[in-house]
Amino acid sequence: METLKIFRLLPIADEADPRWDNADNQGEVIVRARSAADARVVAAEAEDDFLEMDVAPADGDTTRTFSAFRDDKLYTVVEDTSDRYPPIGARAVIEGNIRPVILSTRQADR
């Protein structure tokens, strides 16, 4: 097992921020990752990667790049040094409830 760091992903944008129209606010999420940038990837990978329609966005594309966790205007990443969580383990979400994110036909029509 790898020794990693613990990171907290915290929503920082106001609820009225229009960026939330394109991505769900998942609340605070705690992950085990290699770096702050990797923490964003780990959280985004925990979201479902599919569309509400039964089609893919394009060959080889993914919906994970649209995750709010990857937007530094929506989420900040802070290293957690509390020792509350073990640093040894797999890259993973270790606390927080990540709901499926679905791009709808309404968003596709924009």
PDB file of N, CA and C in Angstrom:
ATOM      1  N   MET A   1       0.833  -1.189   0.000  1.00  0.00           N
ATOM      2  CA  MET A   1       0.000   0.000   0.000  1.00  0.00           C
ATOM      3  C   MET A   1       0.876   1.250   0.000  1.00  0.00           C
ATOM      4  N   GLU A   2       0.368   2.249  -0.621  1.00  0.00           N
ATOM      5  CA  GLU A   2       1.066   3.519  -0.792  1.00  0.00           C
ATOM      6  C   GLU A   2       0.722   4.478   0.359  1.00  0.00           C
ATOM      7  N   THR A   3       1.708   5.260   0.810  1.00  0.00           N
ATOM      8  CA  THR A   3       1.442   6.318   1.778  1.00  0.00           C
ATOM      9  C   THR A   3       1.090   7.579   1.007  1.00  0.00           C
ATOM     10  N   LEU A   4      -0.111   8.070   1.226  1.00  0.00           N
ATOM     11  CA  LEU A   4      -0.625   9.222   0.496  1.00  0.00           C
ATOM     12  C   LEU A   4      -0.942  10.348   1.467  1.00  0.00           C
ATOM     13  N   LYS A   5      -1.540  11.403   0.963  1.00  0.00           N
ATOM     14  CA  LYS A   5      -1.968  12.525   1.794  1.00  0.00           C
ATOM     15  C   LYS A   5      -3.494  12.543   1.836  1.00  0.00           C
ATOM     16  N   ILE A   6      -4.009  13.204   2.850  1.00  0.00           N
ATOM     17  CA  ILE A   6      -5.453  13.354   2.992  1.00  0.00           C
ATOM     18  C   ILE A   6      -5.816  14.787   2.615  1.00  0.00           C
ATOM     19  N   PHE A   7      -6.837  14.930   1.782  1.00  0.00           N
ATOM     20  CA  PHE A   7      -7.274  16.254   1.328  1.00  0.00           C
ATOM     21  C   PHE A   7      -8.773  16.412   1.531  1.00  0.00           C
ATOM     22  N   ARG A   8      -9.155  17.633   1.869  1.00  0.00           N
ATOM     23  CA  ARG A   8     -10.560  18.015   1.986  1.00  0.00           C
ATOM     24  C   ARG A   8     -10.909  18.859   0.770  1.00  0.00           C
ATOM     25  N   LEU A   9     -11.949  18.504   0.075  1.00  0.00           N
ATOM     26  CA  LEU A   9     -12.465  19.317  -1.027  1.00  0.00           C
ATOM     27  C   LEU A   9     -13.681  20.047  -0.490  1.00  0.00           C
ATOM     28  N   LEU A  10     -13.609  21.377  -0.497  1.00  0.00           N
ATOM     29  CA  LEU A  10     -14.638  22.210   0.107  1.00  0.00           C
ATOM     30  C   LEU A  10     -15.269  23.125  -0.929  1.00  0.00           C
ATOM     31  N   PRO A  11     -16.606  23.148  -1.007  1.00  0.00           N
ATOM     32  CA  PRO A  11     -17.246  24.080  -1.933  1.00  0.00           C
ATOM     33  C   PRO A  11     -17.016  25.514  -1.457  1.00  0.00           C
ATOM     34  N   ILE A  12     -16.620  26.397  -2.375  1.00  0.00           N
ATOM     35  CA  ILE A  12     -16.332  27.781  -1.995  1.00  0.00           C
ATOM     36  C   ILE A  12     -17.201  28.792  -2.725  1.00  0.00           C
ATOM     37  N   ALA A  13     -17.829  28.398  -3.790  1.00  0.00           N
ATOM     38  CA  ALA A  13     -18.660  29.331  -4.564  1.00  0.00           C
ATOM     39  C   ALA A  13     -20.012  29.514  -3.882  1.00  0.00           C
ATOM     40  N   ASP A  14     -20.551  30.707  -4.007  1.00  0.00           N
ATOM     41  CA  ASP A  14     -21.876  31.014  -3.493  1.00  0.00           C
ATOM     42  C   ASP A  14     -22.911  30.119  -4.179  1.00  0.00           C
ATOM     43  N   GLU A  15     -23.962  29.786  -3.454  1.00  0.00           N
ATOM     44  CA  GLU A  15     -25.009  28.928  -4.032  1.00  0.00           C
ATOM     45  C   GLU A  15     -25.630  29.526  -5.288  1.00  0.00           C
ATOM     46  N   ALA A  16     -25.589  30.846  -5.410  1.00  0.00           N
ATOM     47  CA  ALA A  16     -26.169  31.516  -6.582  1.00  0.00           C
ATOM     48  C   ALA A  16     -25.196  31.601  -7.755  1.00  0.00           C
ATOM     49  N   ASP A  17     -23.970  31.134  -7.575  1.00  0.00           N
ATOM     50  CA  ASP A  17     -22.972  31.185  -8.647  1.00  0.00           C
ATOM     51  C   ASP A  17     -23.476  30.370  -9.840  1.00  0.00           C
ATOM     52  N   PRO A  18     -23.490  30.952 -11.034  1.00  0.00           N
ATOM     53  CA  PRO A  18     -24.006  30.230 -12.209  1.00  0.00           C
ATOM     54  C   PRO A  18     -23.200  28.985 -12.576  1.00  0.00           C
ATOM     55  N   ARG A  19     -21.989  28.852 -12.069  1.00  0.00           N
ATOM     56  CA  ARG A  19     -21.206  27.636 -12.350  1.00  0.00           C
ATOM     57  C   ARG A  19     -21.902  26.389 -11.799  1.00  0.00           C
ATOM     58  N   TRP A  20     -22.685  26.573 -10.720  1.00  0.00           N
ATOM     59  CA  TRP A  20     -23.402  25.428 -10.155  1.00  0.00           C
ATOM     60  C   TRP A  20     -24.505  24.941 -11.092  1.00  0.00           C
ATOM     61  N   ASP A  21     -24.864  25.719 -12.098  1.00  0.00           N
ATOM     62  CA  ASP A  21     -25.864  25.270 -13.071  1.00  0.00           C
ATOM     63  C   ASP A  21     -25.347  24.086 -13.892  1.00  0.00           C
ATOM     64  N   ASN A  22     -24.037  23.975 -13.997  1.00  0.00           N
ATOM     65  CA  ASN A  22     -23.427  22.924 -14.820  1.00  0.00           C
ATOM     66  C   ASN A  22     -22.877  21.757 -14.018  1.00  0.00           C
ATOM     67  N   ALA A  23     -22.870  21.874 -12.688  1.00  0.00           N
ATOM     68  CA  ALA A  23     -22.288  20.820 -11.864  1.00  0.00           C
ATOM     69  C   ALA A  23     -22.940  20.843 -10.487  1.00  0.00           C
ATOM     70  N   ASP A  24     -23.151  19.677  -9.915  1.00  0.00           N
ATOM     71  CA  ASP A  24     -23.767  19.590  -8.594  1.00  0.00           C
ATOM     72  C   ASP A  24     -22.789  19.945  -7.490  1.00  0.00           C
ATOM     73  N   ASN A  25     -23.314  20.586  -6.441  1.00  0.00           N
ATOM     74  CA  ASN A  25     -22.545  20.818  -5.223  1.00  0.00           C
ATOM     75  C   ASN A  25     -22.655  19.546  -4.396  1.00  0.00           C
ATOM     76  N   GLN A  26     -21.559  18.846  -4.243  1.00  0.00           N
ATOM     77  CA  GLN A  26     -21.547  17.570  -3.526  1.00  0.00           C
ATOM     78  C   GLN A  26     -21.223  17.752  -2.042  1.00  0.00           C
ATOM     79  N   GLY A  27     -21.043  18.996  -1.609  1.00  0.00           N
ATOM     80  CA  GLY A  27     -20.669  19.230  -0.216  1.00  0.00           C
ATOM     81  C   GLY A  27     -19.201  18.899   0.004  1.00  0.00           C
ATOM     82  N   GLU A  28     -18.808  18.814   1.261  1.00  0.00           N
ATOM     83  CA  GLU A  28     -17.414  18.505   1.586  1.00  0.00           C
ATOM     84  C   GLU A  28     -17.130  17.029   1.338  1.00  0.00           C
ATOM     85  N   VAL A  29     -15.981  16.771   0.741  1.00  0.00           N
ATOM     86  CA  VAL A  29     -15.548  15.407   0.449  1.00  0.00           C
ATOM     87  C   VAL A  29     -14.099  15.277   0.903  1.00  0.00           C
ATOM     88  N   ILE A  30     -13.766  14.153   1.510  1.00  0.00           N
ATOM     89  CA  ILE A  30     -12.402  13.903   1.969  1.00  0.00           C
ATOM     90  C   ILE A  30     -11.849  12.724   1.182  1.00  0.00           C
ATOM     91  N   VAL A  31     -10.640  12.915   0.644  1.00  0.00           N
ATOM     92  CA  VAL A  31     -10.032  11.882  -0.198  1.00  0.00           C
ATOM     93  C   VAL A  31      -8.597  11.603   0.227  1.00  0.00           C
ATOM     94  N   ARG A  32      -8.142  10.415  -0.137  1.00  0.00           N
ATOM     95  CA  ARG A  32      -6.733  10.047  -0.001  1.00  0.00           C
ATOM     96  C   ARG A  32      -6.153  10.124  -1.404  1.00  0.00           C
ATOM     97  N   ALA A  33      -5.092  10.947  -1.572  1.00  0.00           N
ATOM     98  CA  ALA A  33      -4.546  11.179  -2.913  1.00  0.00           C
ATOM     99  C   ALA A  33      -3.073  11.557  -2.828  1.00  0.00           C
ATOM    100  N   ARG A  34      -2.432  11.609  -3.993  1.00  0.00           N
ATOM    101  CA  ARG A  34      -1.002  11.935  -4.072  1.00  0.00           C
ATOM    102  C   ARG A  34      -0.719  13.427  -3.930  1.00  0.00           C
ATOM    103  N   SER A  35      -1.639  14.260  -4.410  1.00  0.00           N
ATOM    104  CA  SER A  35      -1.438  15.712  -4.407  1.00  0.00           C
ATOM    105  C   SER A  35      -2.804  16.390  -4.419  1.00  0.00           C
ATOM    106  N   ALA A  36      -2.807  17.708  -4.297  1.00  0.00           N
ATOM    107  CA  ALA A  36      -4.068  18.451  -4.364  1.00  0.00           C
ATOM    108  C   ALA A  36      -4.733  18.255  -5.725  1.00  0.00           C
ATOM    109  N   ALA A  37      -3.943  18.274  -6.784  1.00  0.00           N
ATOM    110  CA  ALA A  37      -4.500  18.059  -8.126  1.00  0.00           C
ATOM    111  C   ALA A  37      -5.066  16.644  -8.248  1.00  0.00           C
ATOM    112  N   ASP A  38      -4.357  15.670  -7.701  1.00  0.00           N
ATOM    113  CA  ASP A  38      -4.832  14.289  -7.736  1.00  0.00           C
ATOM    114  C   ASP A  38      -6.106  14.137  -6.905  1.00  0.00           C
ATOM    115  N   ALA A  39      -6.245  14.912  -5.836  1.00  0.00           N
ATOM    116  CA  ALA A  39      -7.457  14.861  -5.010  1.00  0.00           C
ATOM    117  C   ALA A  39      -8.683  15.226  -5.837  1.00  0.00           C
ATOM    118  N   ARG A  40      -8.532  16.214  -6.715  1.00  0.00           N
ATOM    119  CA  ARG A  40      -9.640  16.603  -7.597  1.00  0.00           C
ATOM    120  C   ARG A  40     -10.007  15.445  -8.531  1.00  0.00           C
ATOM    121  N   VAL A  41      -8.996  14.765  -9.050  1.00  0.00           N
ATOM    122  CA  VAL A  41      -9.224  13.635  -9.959  1.00  0.00           C
ATOM    123  C   VAL A  41      -9.906  12.487  -9.221  1.00  0.00           C
ATOM    124  N   VAL A  42      -9.431  12.177  -8.018  1.00  0.00           N
ATOM    125  CA  VAL A  42     -10.019  11.085  -7.230  1.00  0.00           C
ATOM    126  C   VAL A  42     -11.501  11.356  -6.970  1.00  0.00           C
ATOM    127  N   ALA A  43     -11.826  12.577  -6.573  1.00  0.00           N
ATOM    128  CA  ALA A  43     -13.227  12.921  -6.304  1.00  0.00           C
ATOM    129  C   ALA A  43     -14.064  12.847  -7.582  1.00  0.00           C
ATOM    130  N   ALA A  44     -13.536  13.369  -8.678  1.00  0.00           N
ATOM    131  CA  ALA A  44     -14.270  13.342  -9.950  1.00  0.00           C
ATOM    132  C   ALA A  44     -14.497  11.909 -10.418  1.00  0.00           C
ATOM    133  N   GLU A  45     -13.519  11.039 -10.210  1.00  0.00           N
ATOM    134  CA  GLU A  45     -13.655   9.643 -10.627  1.00  0.00           C
ATOM    135  C   GLU A  45     -14.709   8.902  -9.816  1.00  0.00           C
ATOM    136  N   ALA A  46     -15.034   9.407  -8.626  1.00  0.00           N
ATOM    137  CA  ALA A  46     -16.053   8.760  -7.797  1.00  0.00           C
ATOM    138  C   ALA A  46     -17.465   9.041  -8.306  1.00  0.00           C
ATOM    139  N   GLU A  47     -17.610  10.066  -9.141  1.00  0.00           N
ATOM    140  CA  GLU A  47     -18.910  10.363  -9.739  1.00  0.00           C
ATOM    141  C   GLU A  47     -19.169   9.392 -10.885  1.00  0.00           C
ATOM    142  N   ASP A  48     -20.442   9.095 -11.111  1.00  0.00           N
ATOM    143  CA  ASP A  48     -20.784   8.247 -12.257  1.00  0.00           C
ATOM    144  C   ASP A  48     -20.396   8.951 -13.551  1.00  0.00           C
ATOM    145  N   ASP A  49     -20.022   8.178 -14.525  1.00  0.00           N
ATOM    146  CA  ASP A  49     -19.594   8.712 -15.819  1.00  0.00           C
ATOM    147  C   ASP A  49     -20.552   8.226 -16.899  1.00  0.00           C
ATOM    148  N   PHE A  50     -21.688   8.881 -16.982  1.00  0.00           N
ATOM    149  CA  PHE A  50     -22.658   8.509 -18.007  1.00  0.00           C
ATOM    150  C   PHE A  50     -23.606   9.677 -18.238  1.00  0.00           C
ATOM    151  N   LEU A  51     -24.366   9.579 -19.282  1.00  0.00           N
ATOM    152  CA  LEU A  51     -25.368  10.595 -19.597  1.00  0.00           C
ATOM    153  C   LEU A  51     -26.754  10.061 -19.286  1.00  0.00           C
ATOM    154  N   GLU A  52     -27.686  10.951 -19.096  1.00  0.00           N
ATOM    155  CA  GLU A  52     -29.072  10.549 -18.884  1.00  0.00           C
ATOM    156  C   GLU A  52     -29.599   9.841 -20.136  1.00  0.00           C
ATOM    157  N   MET A  53     -29.103  10.278 -21.285  1.00  0.00           N
ATOM    158  CA  MET A  53     -29.450   9.610 -22.543  1.00  0.00           C
ATOM    159  C   MET A  53     -28.566   8.371 -22.681  1.00  0.00           C
ATOM    160  N   ASP A  54     -29.000   7.414 -23.454  1.00  0.00           N
ATOM    161  CA  ASP A  54     -28.239   6.183 -23.614  1.00  0.00           C
ATOM    162  C   ASP A  54     -27.214   6.330 -24.738  1.00  0.00           C
ATOM    163  N   VAL A  55     -26.364   7.360 -24.625  1.00  0.00           N
ATOM    164  CA  VAL A  55     -25.307   7.589 -25.608  1.00  0.00           C
ATOM    165  C   VAL A  55     -24.077   8.134 -24.896  1.00  0.00           C
ATOM    166  N   ALA A  56     -22.938   7.973 -25.505  1.00  0.00           N
ATOM    167  CA  ALA A  56     -21.706   8.560 -24.980  1.00  0.00           C
ATOM    168  C   ALA A  56     -21.533   9.938 -25.601  1.00  0.00           C
ATOM    169  N   PRO A  57     -20.825  10.870 -24.925  1.00  0.00           N
ATOM    170  CA  PRO A  57     -20.651  12.204 -25.487  1.00  0.00           C
ATOM    171  C   PRO A  57     -19.903  12.190 -26.815  1.00  0.00           C
ATOM    172  N   ALA A  58     -18.942  11.319 -26.961  1.00  0.00           N
ATOM    173  CA  ALA A  58     -18.186  11.129 -28.210  1.00  0.00           C
ATOM    174  C   ALA A  58     -17.224   9.978 -27.968  1.00  0.00           C
ATOM    175  N   ASP A  59     -16.720   9.408 -29.019  1.00  0.00           N
ATOM    176  CA  ASP A  59     -15.802   8.282 -28.860  1.00  0.00           C
ATOM    177  C   ASP A  59     -14.616   8.668 -27.993  1.00  0.00           C
ATOM    178  N   GLY A  60     -14.406   7.904 -26.933  1.00  0.00           N
ATOM    179  CA  GLY A  60     -13.257   8.122 -26.072  1.00  0.00           C
ATOM    180  C   GLY A  60     -13.392   9.286 -25.110  1.00  0.00           C
ATOM    181  N   ASP A  61     -14.513  10.001 -25.131  1.00  0.00           N
ATOM    182  CA  ASP A  61     -14.701  11.127 -24.217  1.00  0.00           C
ATOM    183  C   ASP A  61     -15.316  10.643 -22.914  1.00  0.00           C
ATOM    184  N   THR A  62     -15.262  11.493 -21.922  1.00  0.00           N
ATOM    185  CA  THR A  62     -15.801  11.177 -20.608  1.00  0.00           C
ATOM    186  C   THR A  62     -16.562  12.382 -20.081  1.00  0.00           C
ATOM    187  N   THR A  63     -17.518  12.141 -19.203  1.00  0.00           N
ATOM    188  CA  THR A  63     -18.227  13.254 -18.568  1.00  0.00           C
ATOM    189  C   THR A  63     -17.518  13.709 -17.299  1.00  0.00           C
ATOM    190  N   ARG A  64     -16.485  13.004 -16.859  1.00  0.00           N
ATOM    191  CA  ARG A  64     -15.792  13.353 -15.616  1.00  0.00           C
ATOM    192  C   ARG A  64     -15.084  14.707 -15.686  1.00  0.00           C
ATOM    193  N   THR A  65     -14.725  15.148 -16.881  1.00  0.00           N
ATOM    194  CA  THR A  65     -14.039  16.436 -16.993  1.00  0.00           C
ATOM    195  C   THR A  65     -14.966  17.593 -16.648  1.00  0.00           C
ATOM    196  N   PHE A  66     -16.266  17.335 -16.544  1.00  0.00           N
ATOM    197  CA  PHE A  66     -17.234  18.376 -16.211  1.00  0.00           C
ATOM    198  C   PHE A  66     -17.538  18.423 -14.717  1.00  0.00           C
ATOM    199  N   SER A  67     -16.829  17.665 -13.922  1.00  0.00           N
ATOM    200  CA  SER A  67     -17.066  17.601 -12.488  1.00  0.00           C
ATOM    201  C   SER A  67     -16.777  18.937 -11.810  1.00  0.00           C
ATOM    202  N   ALA A  68     -17.606  19.293 -10.844  1.00  0.00           N
ATOM    203  CA  ALA A  68     -17.378  20.508 -10.050  1.00  0.00           C
ATOM    204  C   ALA A  68     -16.068  20.420  -9.280  1.00  0.00           C
ATOM    205  N   PHE A  69     -15.641  19.209  -8.929  1.00  0.00           N
ATOM    206  CA  PHE A  69     -14.397  19.046  -8.178  1.00  0.00           C
ATOM    207  C   PHE A  69     -13.186  19.547  -8.957  1.00  0.00           C
ATOM    208  N   ARG A  70     -13.279  19.589 -10.259  1.00  0.00           N
ATOM    209  CA  ARG A  70     -12.154  20.023 -11.092  1.00  0.00           C
ATOM    210  C   ARG A  70     -12.139  21.533 -11.318  1.00  0.00           C
ATOM    211  N   ASP A  71     -13.147  22.239 -10.828  1.00  0.00           N
ATOM    212  CA  ASP A  71     -13.261  23.690 -11.017  1.00  0.00           C
ATOM    213  C   ASP A  71     -12.789  24.408  -9.754  1.00  0.00           C
ATOM    214  N   ASP A  72     -11.665  25.101  -9.841  1.00  0.00           N
ATOM    215  CA  ASP A  72     -11.111  25.773  -8.658  1.00  0.00           C
ATOM    216  C   ASP A  72     -11.920  26.988  -8.220  1.00  0.00           C
ATOM    217  N   LYS A  73     -12.904  27.381  -9.004  1.00  0.00           N
ATOM    218  CA  LYS A  73     -13.816  28.462  -8.600  1.00  0.00           C
ATOM    219  C   LYS A  73     -14.999  27.899  -7.797  1.00  0.00           C
ATOM    220  N   LEU A  74     -15.244  26.597  -7.903  1.00  0.00           N
ATOM    221  CA  LEU A  74     -16.321  25.952  -7.157  1.00  0.00           C
ATOM    222  C   LEU A  74     -15.809  25.250  -5.905  1.00  0.00           C
ATOM    223  N   TYR A  75     -14.669  24.574  -6.022  1.00  0.00           N
ATOM    224  CA  TYR A  75     -14.104  23.815  -4.908  1.00  0.00           C
ATOM    225  C   TYR A  75     -12.660  24.216  -4.659  1.00  0.00           C
ATOM    226  N   THR A  76     -12.301  24.280  -3.381  1.00  0.00           N
ATOM    227  CA  THR A  76     -10.903  24.438  -3.013  1.00  0.00           C
ATOM    228  C   THR A  76     -10.443  23.113  -2.418  1.00  0.00           C
ATOM    229  N   VAL A  77      -9.143  22.889  -2.431  1.00  0.00           N
ATOM    230  CA  VAL A  77      -8.568  21.664  -1.879  1.00  0.00           C
ATOM    231  C   VAL A  77      -7.606  22.066  -0.769  1.00  0.00           C
ATOM    232  N   VAL A  78      -7.802  21.470   0.408  1.00  0.00           N
ATOM    233  CA  VAL A  78      -6.979  21.781   1.571  1.00  0.00           C
ATOM    234  C   VAL A  78      -6.432  20.473   2.128  1.00  0.00           C
ATOM    235  N   GLU A  79      -5.133  20.444   2.399  1.00  0.00           N
ATOM    236  CA  GLU A  79      -4.560  19.239   2.996  1.00  0.00           C
ATOM    237  C   GLU A  79      -5.044  19.104   4.433  1.00  0.00           C
ATOM    238  N   ASP A  80      -5.465  17.906   4.803  1.00  0.00           N
ATOM    239  CA  ASP A  80      -5.930  17.615   6.164  1.00  0.00           C
ATOM    240  C   ASP A  80      -4.766  17.001   6.939  1.00  0.00           C
ATOM    241  N   THR A  81      -4.304  17.701   7.960  1.00  0.00           N
ATOM    242  CA  THR A  81      -3.174  17.215   8.759  1.00  0.00           C
ATOM    243  C   THR A  81      -3.624  16.798  10.159  1.00  0.00           C
ATOM    244  N   SER A  82      -4.905  16.508  10.314  1.00  0.00           N
ATOM    245  CA  SER A  82      -5.467  16.180  11.629  1.00  0.00           C
ATOM    246  C   SER A  82      -5.102  14.775  12.113  1.00  0.00           C
ATOM    247  N   ASP A  83      -4.585  13.928  11.258  1.00  0.00           N
ATOM    248  CA  ASP A  83      -4.300  12.521  11.567  1.00  0.00           C
ATOM    249  C   ASP A  83      -5.569  11.724  11.888  1.00  0.00           C
ATOM    250  N   ARG A  84      -6.712  12.246  11.513  1.00  0.00           N
ATOM    251  CA  ARG A  84      -7.979  11.546  11.736  1.00  0.00           C
ATOM    252  C   ARG A  84      -8.138  10.362  10.781  1.00  0.00           C
ATOM    253  N   TYR A  85      -7.507  10.455   9.623  1.00  0.00           N
ATOM    254  CA  TYR A  85      -7.630   9.423   8.592  1.00  0.00           C
ATOM    255  C   TYR A  85      -6.256   8.828   8.304  1.00  0.00           C
ATOM    256  N   PRO A  86      -6.186   7.515   8.089  1.00  0.00           N
ATOM    257  CA  PRO A  86      -4.894   6.887   7.802  1.00  0.00           C
ATOM    258  C   PRO A  86      -4.386   7.255   6.403  1.00  0.00           C
ATOM    259  N   PRO A  87      -3.117   7.656   6.297  1.00  0.00           N
ATOM    260  CA  PRO A  87      -2.563   8.007   4.993  1.00  0.00           C
ATOM    261  C   PRO A  87      -2.198   6.789   4.142  1.00  0.00           C
ATOM    262  N   ILE A  88      -2.129   5.636   4.759  1.00  0.00           N
ATOM    263  CA  ILE A  88      -1.772   4.423   4.019  1.00  0.00           C
ATOM    264  C   ILE A  88      -3.043   3.795   3.468  1.00  0.00           C
ATOM    265  N   GLY A  89      -3.044   3.599   2.159  1.00  0.00           N
ATOM    266  CA  GLY A  89      -4.206   3.004   1.516  1.00  0.00           C
ATOM    267  C   GLY A  89      -4.285   3.415   0.066  1.00  0.00           C
ATOM    268  N   ALA A  90      -5.350   3.012  -0.555  1.00  0.00           N
ATOM    269  CA  ALA A  90      -5.559   3.311  -1.973  1.00  0.00           C
ATOM    270  C   ALA A  90      -6.072   4.733  -2.149  1.00  0.00           C
ATOM    271  N   ARG A  91      -5.844   5.285  -3.340  1.00  0.00           N
ATOM    272  CA  ARG A  91      -6.446   6.574  -3.703  1.00  0.00           C
ATOM    273  C   ARG A  91      -7.951   6.363  -3.699  1.00  0.00           C
ATOM    274  N   ALA A  92      -8.662   7.142  -2.870  1.00  0.00           N
ATOM    275  CA  ALA A  92     -10.102   6.921  -2.753  1.00  0.00           C
ATOM    276  C   ALA A  92     -10.774   8.059  -2.004  1.00  0.00           C
ATOM    277  N   VAL A  93     -12.090   8.142  -2.181  1.00  0.00           N
ATOM    278  CA  VAL A  93     -12.908   9.004  -1.330  1.00  0.00           C
ATOM    279  C   VAL A  93     -13.057   8.261  -0.012  1.00  0.00           C
ATOM    280  N   ILE A  94     -12.730   8.921   1.093  1.00  0.00           N
ATOM    281  CA  ILE A  94     -12.822   8.245   2.386  1.00  0.00           C
ATOM    282  C   ILE A  94     -13.941   8.805   3.259  1.00  0.00           C
ATOM    283  N   GLU A  95     -14.480   9.951   2.878  1.00  0.00           N
ATOM    284  CA  GLU A  95     -15.651  10.484   3.583  1.00  0.00           C
ATOM    285  C   GLU A  95     -16.392  11.446   2.667  1.00  0.00           C
ATOM    286  N   GLY A  96     -17.706  11.418   2.766  1.00  0.00           N
ATOM    287  CA  GLY A  96     -18.545  12.277   1.938  1.00  0.00           C
ATOM    288  C   GLY A  96     -19.438  11.426   1.064  1.00  0.00           C
ATOM    289  N   ASN A  97     -20.556  11.975   0.700  1.00  0.00           N
ATOM    290  CA  ASN A  97     -21.514  11.258  -0.138  1.00  0.00           C
ATOM    291  C   ASN A  97     -21.548  11.890  -1.513  1.00  0.00           C
ATOM    292  N   ILE A  98     -20.995  11.202  -2.478  1.00  0.00           N
ATOM    293  CA  ILE A  98     -20.983  11.705  -3.848  1.00  0.00           C
ATOM    294  C   ILE A  98     -22.149  11.086  -4.597  1.00  0.00           C
ATOM    295  N   ARG A  99     -23.046  11.952  -5.029  1.00  0.00           N
ATOM    296  CA  ARG A  99     -24.221  11.511  -5.783  1.00  0.00           C
ATOM    297  C   ARG A  99     -23.859  11.381  -7.262  1.00  0.00           C
ATOM    298  N   PRO A 100     -24.575  10.539  -7.981  1.00  0.00           N
ATOM    299  CA  PRO A 100     -24.329  10.457  -9.424  1.00  0.00           C
ATOM    300  C   PRO A 100     -24.580  11.812 -10.082  1.00  0.00           C
ATOM    301  N   VAL A 101     -23.758  12.158 -11.025  1.00  0.00           N
ATOM    302  CA  VAL A 101     -23.936  13.391 -11.788  1.00  0.00           C
ATOM    303  C   VAL A 101     -24.352  12.990 -13.185  1.00  0.00           C
ATOM    304  N   ILE A 102     -25.460  13.524 -13.636  1.00  0.00           N
ATOM    305  CA  ILE A 102     -25.987  13.141 -14.938  1.00  0.00           C
ATOM    306  C   ILE A 102     -26.140  14.386 -15.791  1.00  0.00           C
ATOM    307  N   LEU A 103     -25.527  14.385 -16.952  1.00  0.00           N
ATOM    308  CA  LEU A 103     -25.753  15.471 -17.904  1.00  0.00           C
ATOM    309  C   LEU A 103     -27.076  15.187 -18.586  1.00  0.00           C
ATOM    310  N   SER A 104     -27.968  16.108 -18.551  1.00  0.00           N
ATOM    311  CA  SER A 104     -29.298  15.867 -19.105  1.00  0.00           C
ATOM    312  C   SER A 104     -29.409  16.390 -20.529  1.00  0.00           C
ATOM    313  N   THR A 105     -30.472  16.007 -21.185  1.00  0.00           N
ATOM    314  CA  THR A 105     -30.718  16.514 -22.535  1.00  0.00           C
ATOM    315  C   THR A 105     -30.933  18.016 -22.485  1.00  0.00           C
ATOM    316  N   ARG A 106     -31.461  18.526 -21.390  1.00  0.00           N
ATOM    317  CA  ARG A 106     -31.659  19.967 -21.226  1.00  0.00           C
ATOM    318  C   ARG A 106     -30.314  20.685 -21.322  1.00  0.00           C
ATOM    319  N   GLN A 107     -29.286  20.157 -20.676  1.00  0.00           N
ATOM    320  CA  GLN A 107     -27.968  20.772 -20.733  1.00  0.00           C
ATOM    321  C   GLN A 107     -27.342  20.603 -22.112  1.00  0.00           C
ATOM    322  N   ALA A 108     -27.613  19.491 -22.752  1.00  0.00           N
ATOM    323  CA  ALA A 108     -27.036  19.241 -24.074  1.00  0.00           C
ATOM    324  C   ALA A 108     -27.615  20.181 -25.127  1.00  0.00           C
ATOM    325  N   ASP A 109     -28.825  20.684 -24.896  1.00  0.00           N
ATOM    326  CA  ASP A 109     -29.476  21.581 -25.858  1.00  0.00           C
ATOM    327  C   ASP A 109     -28.982  23.016 -25.777  1.00  0.00           C
ATOM    328  N   ARG A 110     -28.186  23.350 -24.784  1.00  0.00           N
ATOM    329  CA  ARG A 110     -27.721  24.729 -24.607  1.00  0.00           C
ATOM    330  C   ARG A 110     -26.784  25.157 -25.681  1.00  0.00           C
TER     331      ARG A 110
END
